[in-house]
Protein backbone atom coordinates (compact mmCIF):
# COMPACT_ATOMS: atom_id res chain seq x y z
CA MET A 1 85.91 80.10 86.40
CA CYS A 2 83.79 81.73 89.07
CA ARG A 3 80.43 80.03 89.15
CA LEU A 4 77.45 80.22 91.41
CA ALA A 5 75.32 77.34 92.60
CA PRO A 6 73.27 75.44 89.97
CA GLN A 7 69.98 76.46 91.62
CA GLU A 8 70.77 80.04 90.58
CA ARG A 9 70.19 79.05 86.93
CA ARG A 10 66.42 79.25 87.39
CA GLY A 11 66.45 82.71 85.89
CA THR A 12 65.11 86.12 86.69
CA HIS A 13 61.43 85.56 85.86
CA ARG A 14 60.47 85.04 89.52
CA TRP A 15 61.99 88.42 90.41
CA THR A 16 60.24 90.40 87.66
CA PRO A 17 56.93 90.93 89.53
CA ILE A 18 58.79 91.75 92.75
CA ARG A 19 60.90 94.34 90.97
CA ALA A 20 57.77 95.84 89.35
CA ASP A 21 56.01 96.06 92.74
CA CYS A 22 59.05 97.72 94.27
CA ASP A 23 59.16 100.26 91.44
CA ARG A 24 55.45 100.98 91.82
CA HIS A 25 55.86 101.65 95.55
CA SER A 26 59.32 103.27 95.41
CA GLU A 27 60.71 100.48 97.59
CA GLN A 28 64.48 100.63 97.16
CA TRP A 29 65.84 98.06 99.63
CA SER A 30 63.77 95.14 98.33
CA ARG A 31 64.30 96.23 94.72
CA ALA A 32 68.07 96.20 95.29
CA PHE A 33 67.81 92.71 96.79
CA ALA A 34 65.83 91.53 93.76
CA ASP A 35 68.46 93.08 91.48
CA TYR A 36 71.16 91.23 93.43
CA MET A 37 69.30 87.93 93.00
CA CYS A 38 68.85 88.66 89.28
CA ALA A 39 72.60 89.33 89.01
CA ARG A 40 73.33 85.94 90.59
CA ALA A 41 70.86 84.21 88.27
CA GLU A 42 72.23 85.90 85.15
CA LEU A 43 75.79 85.09 86.16
CA ALA A 44 74.89 81.43 86.72
CA ARG A 45 73.35 81.38 83.24
CA GLY A 46 76.54 82.86 81.74
CA ARG A 47 74.91 86.21 80.91
CA VAL A 48 77.74 88.37 82.21
CA GLN A 49 76.57 91.74 80.89
CA ALA A 50 73.11 91.29 82.38
CA ALA A 51 74.74 90.24 85.67
CA PHE A 52 76.80 93.45 85.64
CA GLU A 53 73.70 95.55 84.99
CA HIS A 54 71.69 93.99 87.82
CA GLY A 55 74.68 93.96 90.17
CA ARG A 56 75.40 97.62 89.48
CA ALA A 57 71.75 98.55 90.05
CA SER A 58 71.80 96.67 93.37
CA TRP A 59 75.05 98.30 94.46
CA ASP A 60 73.86 101.79 93.47
CA ALA A 61 70.70 101.43 95.57
CA LYS A 62 72.49 99.89 98.53
CA ARG A 63 75.02 102.73 98.42
CA ARG A 64 72.22 105.33 98.46
CA LEU A 65 70.74 103.50 101.47
CA ASP A 66 74.14 103.25 103.18
CA ASP A 67 73.62 99.48 103.52
CA SER A 68 77.14 98.09 104.01
CA LEU A 69 76.13 94.43 103.88
CA GLY A 70 74.07 94.97 100.73
CA MET A 71 76.93 96.89 99.11
CA ALA A 72 79.41 94.14 100.03
CA VAL A 73 77.35 91.30 98.54
CA ALA A 74 76.64 93.37 95.41
CA LEU A 75 80.36 94.08 95.01
CA ASP A 76 81.11 90.37 95.40
CA VAL A 77 78.66 89.47 92.63
CA LEU A 78 80.17 92.23 90.45
CA GLY A 79 83.61 90.75 91.16
CA ALA A 80 82.36 87.31 90.14
CA ALA A 81 80.90 88.79 86.95
CA ALA A 82 84.24 90.49 86.16
CA ALA A 83 86.01 87.16 86.73
CA ALA A 84 83.53 85.35 84.48
CA ASP A 85 84.22 88.01 81.84
CA GLY A 86 87.97 87.36 82.16
CA ASP A 87 88.71 90.87 83.48
CA ALA A 88 91.25 90.04 86.20
CA ARG A 89 92.13 93.67 86.93
CA ARG A 90 88.53 94.65 87.53
CA THR A 91 87.99 91.48 89.57
CA ALA A 92 90.89 92.36 91.88
CA HIS A 93 89.71 95.95 92.25
CA LEU A 94 86.11 94.95 93.03
CA LEU A 95 87.21 92.31 95.53
CA GLY A 96 89.34 94.95 97.27
CA LEU A 97 86.45 97.39 97.34
CA ALA A 98 84.19 94.66 98.77
CA GLN A 99 86.81 93.62 101.34
CA GLN A 100 86.87 97.17 102.68
CA LEU A 101 83.21 96.69 103.65
CA TRP A 102 83.52 93.08 104.80
CA ASP A 103 86.27 94.11 107.23
CA THR A 104 83.75 96.36 109.00
CA LEU A 105 81.14 93.59 109.22
CA GLY A 106 83.08 90.94 111.13
CA ALA A 107 83.13 87.35 109.90
CA PRO A 108 84.22 86.92 106.27
CA ARG A 109 81.14 86.80 104.04
CA ILE A 110 79.14 86.47 107.30
CA GLY A 111 80.17 82.83 107.33
CA VAL A 112 78.24 81.80 104.19
CA ALA A 113 80.37 78.96 102.78
CA GLU A 114 79.20 79.46 99.19
CA TRP A 115 80.09 83.17 99.25
CA ILE A 116 83.50 82.39 100.74
CA ALA A 117 84.19 79.71 98.10
CA THR A 118 83.07 81.95 95.22
CA ARG A 119 85.26 84.81 96.45
CA ARG A 120 88.25 82.48 96.86
CA THR A 121 87.81 81.10 93.35
CA CYS A 122 87.57 84.60 91.87
CA GLU A 123 90.69 85.70 93.73
CA GLU A 124 92.65 82.64 92.59
CA GLN A 125 91.58 83.20 88.98
CA ALA A 126 92.60 86.88 89.08
CA ARG A 127 95.92 86.13 90.82
CA LEU A 128 96.73 83.53 88.19
CA ALA A 129 96.03 86.00 85.38
CA LEU A 130 97.80 89.02 86.93
CA GLY A 131 100.49 87.49 89.12
CA ASP A 132 100.68 88.01 92.87
CA ASP A 133 102.36 91.42 92.82
CA VAL A 134 100.01 93.05 90.32
CA TYR A 135 96.96 91.43 91.94
CA THR A 136 97.99 92.83 95.33
CA ILE A 137 98.50 96.35 93.94
CA VAL A 138 95.12 96.38 92.17
CA PHE A 139 93.34 94.77 95.14
CA GLN A 140 94.84 97.39 97.48
CA ASP A 141 93.75 100.13 95.07
CA GLY A 142 90.20 98.82 95.38
CA TYR A 143 90.52 98.48 99.14
CA ARG A 144 91.67 102.10 99.47
CA THR A 145 89.04 103.51 97.10
CA ARG A 146 86.35 105.52 98.86
CA GLN A 147 82.87 104.06 98.47
CA ASP A 148 81.62 107.57 97.73
CA ALA A 149 84.15 108.25 94.95
CA PRO A 150 82.52 109.30 91.63
CA ASP A 151 82.98 105.82 90.13
CA PRO A 152 84.52 103.54 92.75
CA LEU A 153 83.82 100.44 90.66
CA ALA A 154 86.48 101.32 88.08
CA PRO A 155 90.08 100.26 88.72
CA GLY A 156 92.26 103.27 89.49
CA SER A 157 89.25 105.34 90.51
CA GLY A 158 90.35 106.69 93.83
CA GLY A 159 92.71 104.41 95.65
CA THR A 160 96.03 105.67 96.87
CA PRO A 161 98.90 103.86 95.17
CA PRO A 162 100.68 101.73 97.77
CA SER A 163 104.19 102.67 98.74
CA ALA A 164 106.91 100.29 99.78
CA ASN A 165 105.93 101.04 103.39
CA SER A 166 102.17 100.52 102.93
CA PRO A 167 100.64 98.11 105.42
CA PRO A 168 98.66 95.14 104.06
CA TYR A 169 94.96 95.78 103.54
CA GLY A 170 92.52 95.38 106.34
CA PRO A 171 92.61 95.73 110.09
CA PRO A 172 95.07 93.59 112.06
CA TRP A 173 92.27 91.40 113.47
CA ALA A 174 91.17 90.38 109.96
CA GLY A 175 93.61 87.45 110.12
CA ARG A 176 95.37 87.79 106.78
């Protein structure tokens, strides 16, 4: 199962005053970061629905701000939450959607070993549940979904179905 580091289990209480300050001052970037950290904490505590709610709030704000890195990390935490919930299809779609952004940022997960390991574990779990062929189709659907689609987080929400001649996801330099 996709898990985050044990130190994440400390909870969301430390982020509550930060989130309140951000709301009071209409500060969106920091609020989205606090929501991301709350999502990680809730996921580490096994509170998947709360992790989804915080992750979605973080992603929504980062999308409004056009913050690709923030969107990518929020999508990764949403993918981990979907994996923890046992939703392999949604996991594959979210990982594809996140990969679309990561491919524009350079190094995978900006080189953060924990993020790379969590993503790998989530992918392995989803592949095992769906099988390689179905995982690849759903992942590519996520990868091809526009970030500005009405609901890009939902599988089948805007990706172009791959044809037999579709290239693999990502740019050639991505090393896959």
